[in-house]
Amino acid sequence: MRVIGRTIEIDAPIDRVFAFVTDIRNHPSVVPPETREQVLDCGDGPMRVGTIVCLRARYGGITWSLSSRIAAFDPPVGPHSEAAYFRDEQVNGPFAVWRHDHWFESNQPGITRLTDRFTFSAPLGPFGWLAEQLCLTRRMVQLLEHIHSRQKLLIETERE
C-alpha cells in the first residue's frame, strides 16, 4: 500500500476552501483536462457522511468508473473555525484500496492550509505492485499536485 501527501496554502478563509473542495461539481475543473472526468452521481443535497459520489474519467488511456463514499465529514464550525476534515473511500473502482483524506487548517486569518493524503493499492497482486513502482505512484503525485494548483488558482480568484 502506498501513501502520498501534499500540502498547499490557499489565500482564502477555511469555510470558503472547504465549500469549494466539498462541492463535487468543482472536481472536473481541478483534475487534468485529458481525464475528461464526469460526475455521474453525487446524491441529493450537500455532501455528508454516507454520500456516494460516482465518477468516470480517463487515465492511462483507459476510461475508469469510481464510486466513493464519504466516510468522515467534519466541516468548519462558524466563521472563526480553525480546522475541518473529510475522507472519501472507494466503494467500487479500479483500486484494491483507495482512501483520500483532506485536512483544512487556518492558523492565520484568511489563509487555509490544505493537506491531502492518498492511500492506495493497485489490484492484481505482484503486477499491481510493479505498476505502483514503475508509474502509478508518480502519476498519483502529479495528479495531486495538479489538483492543488488548480484549487489554489480557482479559489483565490473566486469572488466572495
Protein backbone atom coordinates (compact mmCIF):
# COMPACT_ATOMS: atom_id res chain seq x y z
CA MET A 1 0.00 0.00 0.00
CA ARG A 2 1.24 3.46 -0.94
CA VAL A 3 0.70 6.73 0.91
CA ILE A 4 1.41 10.09 -0.67
CA GLY A 5 0.53 13.54 0.54
CA ARG A 6 0.89 17.19 -0.29
CA THR A 7 0.11 20.46 1.49
CA ILE A 8 -0.68 23.85 -0.01
CA GLU A 9 -1.61 27.24 1.44
CA ILE A 10 -4.58 29.00 -0.10
CA ASP A 11 -5.24 32.68 0.40
CA ALA A 12 -8.90 32.28 1.40
CA PRO A 13 -10.87 31.58 4.59
CA ILE A 14 -11.30 27.97 5.67
CA ASP A 15 -15.08 27.94 5.14
CA ARG A 16 -14.66 29.04 1.51
CA VAL A 17 -11.92 26.50 0.80
CA PHE A 18 -13.92 23.70 2.44
CA ALA A 19 -17.07 24.65 0.49
CA PHE A 20 -15.18 24.64 -2.82
CA VAL A 21 -13.43 21.30 -2.21
CA THR A 22 -16.58 19.54 -0.98
CA ASP A 23 -18.71 20.76 -3.89
CA ILE A 24 -18.23 17.79 -6.21
CA ARG A 25 -19.35 19.90 -9.17
CA ASN A 26 -15.94 21.64 -8.91
CA HIS A 27 -13.96 18.41 -9.19
CA PRO A 28 -13.87 18.16 -13.02
CA SER A 29 -12.38 21.68 -13.14
CA VAL A 30 -9.40 20.75 -10.93
CA VAL A 31 -8.31 17.45 -12.48
CA PRO A 32 -6.21 17.40 -15.67
CA PRO A 33 -8.39 18.13 -18.73
CA GLU A 34 -7.23 15.00 -20.54
CA THR A 35 -9.04 12.89 -17.94
CA ARG A 36 -12.40 14.09 -19.30
CA GLU A 37 -13.83 13.50 -15.84
CA GLN A 38 -17.61 13.36 -15.47
CA VAL A 39 -19.62 13.36 -12.26
CA LEU A 40 -22.22 10.64 -12.80
CA ASP A 41 -23.98 10.90 -9.43
CA CYS A 42 -23.37 12.73 -6.16
CA GLY A 43 -26.51 12.04 -4.18
CA ASP A 44 -29.08 14.55 -3.05
CA GLY A 45 -28.08 17.77 -1.35
CA PRO A 46 -24.78 18.77 0.19
CA MET A 47 -22.01 16.29 0.94
CA ARG A 48 -22.20 14.47 4.27
CA VAL A 49 -21.20 11.12 5.82
CA GLY A 50 -22.62 8.36 3.65
CA THR A 51 -22.83 10.38 0.42
CA ILE A 52 -21.83 8.25 -2.56
CA VAL A 53 -20.02 10.02 -5.41
CA CYS A 54 -19.75 8.28 -8.79
CA LEU A 55 -17.23 9.50 -11.37
CA ARG A 56 -15.97 8.42 -14.77
CA ALA A 57 -12.55 9.53 -16.01
CA ARG A 58 -9.81 8.57 -18.43
CA TYR A 59 -6.40 7.65 -17.01
CA GLY A 60 -3.62 5.83 -18.77
CA GLY A 61 -5.69 5.60 -21.95
CA ILE A 62 -8.44 3.68 -20.16
CA THR A 63 -11.80 5.01 -19.02
CA TRP A 64 -12.49 4.08 -15.40
CA SER A 65 -15.52 4.40 -13.18
CA LEU A 66 -15.08 5.01 -9.48
CA SER A 67 -17.63 5.21 -6.68
CA SER A 68 -16.54 6.55 -3.32
CA ARG A 69 -18.36 7.04 -0.04
CA ILE A 70 -17.83 9.93 2.32
CA ALA A 71 -16.62 8.10 5.43
CA ALA A 72 -15.92 11.13 7.64
CA PHE A 73 -17.15 14.70 7.39
CA ASP A 74 -16.23 17.40 9.91
CA PRO A 75 -16.89 20.86 8.40
CA PRO A 76 -15.59 24.12 9.85
CA VAL A 77 -17.96 25.42 12.51
CA GLY A 78 -18.50 29.16 12.50
CA PRO A 79 -16.50 31.95 10.88
CA HIS A 80 -13.55 31.54 13.26
CA SER A 81 -13.14 27.79 12.91
CA GLU A 82 -9.54 26.63 12.68
CA ALA A 83 -9.94 23.07 11.40
CA ALA A 84 -12.03 20.80 9.20
CA TYR A 85 -11.65 17.32 7.70
CA PHE A 86 -13.27 14.78 5.42
CA ARG A 87 -12.42 11.37 3.96
CA ASP A 88 -13.65 9.55 0.90
CA GLU A 89 -13.11 5.82 0.36
CA GLN A 90 -13.55 3.76 -2.79
CA VAL A 91 -16.64 1.55 -2.82
CA ASN A 92 -16.19 0.35 -6.42
CA GLY A 93 -13.40 1.14 -8.81
CA PRO A 94 -10.00 0.33 -10.23
CA PHE A 95 -8.00 0.22 -6.97
CA ALA A 96 -7.68 -2.62 -4.48
CA VAL A 97 -7.65 0.14 -1.81
CA TRP A 98 -8.35 3.87 -2.19
CA ARG A 99 -8.69 6.43 0.61
CA HIS A 100 -8.41 10.19 0.26
CA ASP A 101 -8.05 12.29 3.42
CA HIS A 102 -8.48 16.08 3.31
CA TRP A 103 -7.36 18.30 6.24
CA PHE A 104 -8.05 22.02 6.42
CA GLU A 105 -6.28 24.27 8.94
CA SER A 106 -6.45 28.00 9.47
CA ASN A 107 -3.73 29.29 11.77
CA GLN A 108 -3.91 32.87 10.49
CA PRO A 109 -6.94 34.85 9.33
CA GLY A 110 -7.86 34.35 5.68
CA ILE A 111 -5.22 31.66 4.99
CA THR A 112 -6.08 27.96 4.77
CA ARG A 113 -3.58 25.14 4.77
CA LEU A 114 -4.98 22.21 2.77
CA THR A 115 -3.35 18.81 3.18
CA ASP A 116 -4.39 15.84 1.05
CA ARG A 117 -3.27 12.26 1.50
CA PHE A 118 -3.92 9.40 -0.93
CA THR A 119 -3.64 5.88 0.48
CA PHE A 120 -3.89 3.36 -2.33
CA SER A 121 -3.05 -0.07 -3.57
CA ALA A 122 -3.25 -1.29 -7.16
CA PRO A 123 -5.12 -4.51 -7.92
CA LEU A 124 -3.58 -7.67 -9.41
CA GLY A 125 -1.12 -8.56 -6.64
CA PRO A 126 2.50 -8.54 -7.84
CA PHE A 127 1.55 -6.93 -11.19
CA GLY A 128 -0.19 -4.11 -9.32
CA TRP A 129 2.82 -3.71 -7.04
CA LEU A 130 5.04 -3.42 -10.12
CA ALA A 131 2.71 -0.82 -11.65
CA GLU A 132 2.90 1.17 -8.39
CA GLN A 133 6.71 1.06 -8.56
CA LEU A 134 7.03 1.91 -12.24
CA CYS A 135 4.42 4.59 -12.81
CA LEU A 136 1.30 4.71 -10.64
CA THR A 137 2.85 6.39 -7.60
CA ARG A 138 4.49 9.06 -9.77
CA ARG A 139 1.19 9.61 -11.60
CA MET A 140 -0.72 9.98 -8.31
CA VAL A 141 1.80 12.60 -7.10
CA GLN A 142 1.38 14.52 -10.38
CA LEU A 143 -2.42 14.29 -10.09
CA LEU A 144 -2.40 15.62 -6.53
CA GLU A 145 -0.05 18.48 -7.43
CA HIS A 146 -2.26 19.40 -10.40
CA ILE A 147 -5.39 19.34 -8.25
CA HIS A 148 -3.76 21.56 -5.61
CA SER A 149 -2.53 24.12 -8.14
CA ARG A 150 -5.98 24.34 -9.78
CA GLN A 151 -7.77 24.57 -6.43
CA LYS A 152 -5.48 27.38 -5.35
CA LEU A 153 -5.97 29.28 -8.61
CA LEU A 154 -9.76 28.87 -8.73
CA ILE A 155 -10.38 29.58 -5.04
CA GLU A 156 -8.10 32.60 -4.86
CA THR A 157 -9.64 34.16 -7.97
CA GLU A 158 -13.21 33.38 -6.88
CA ARG A 159 -15.12 36.41 -5.62
CA GLU A 160 -16.82 36.22 -2.25
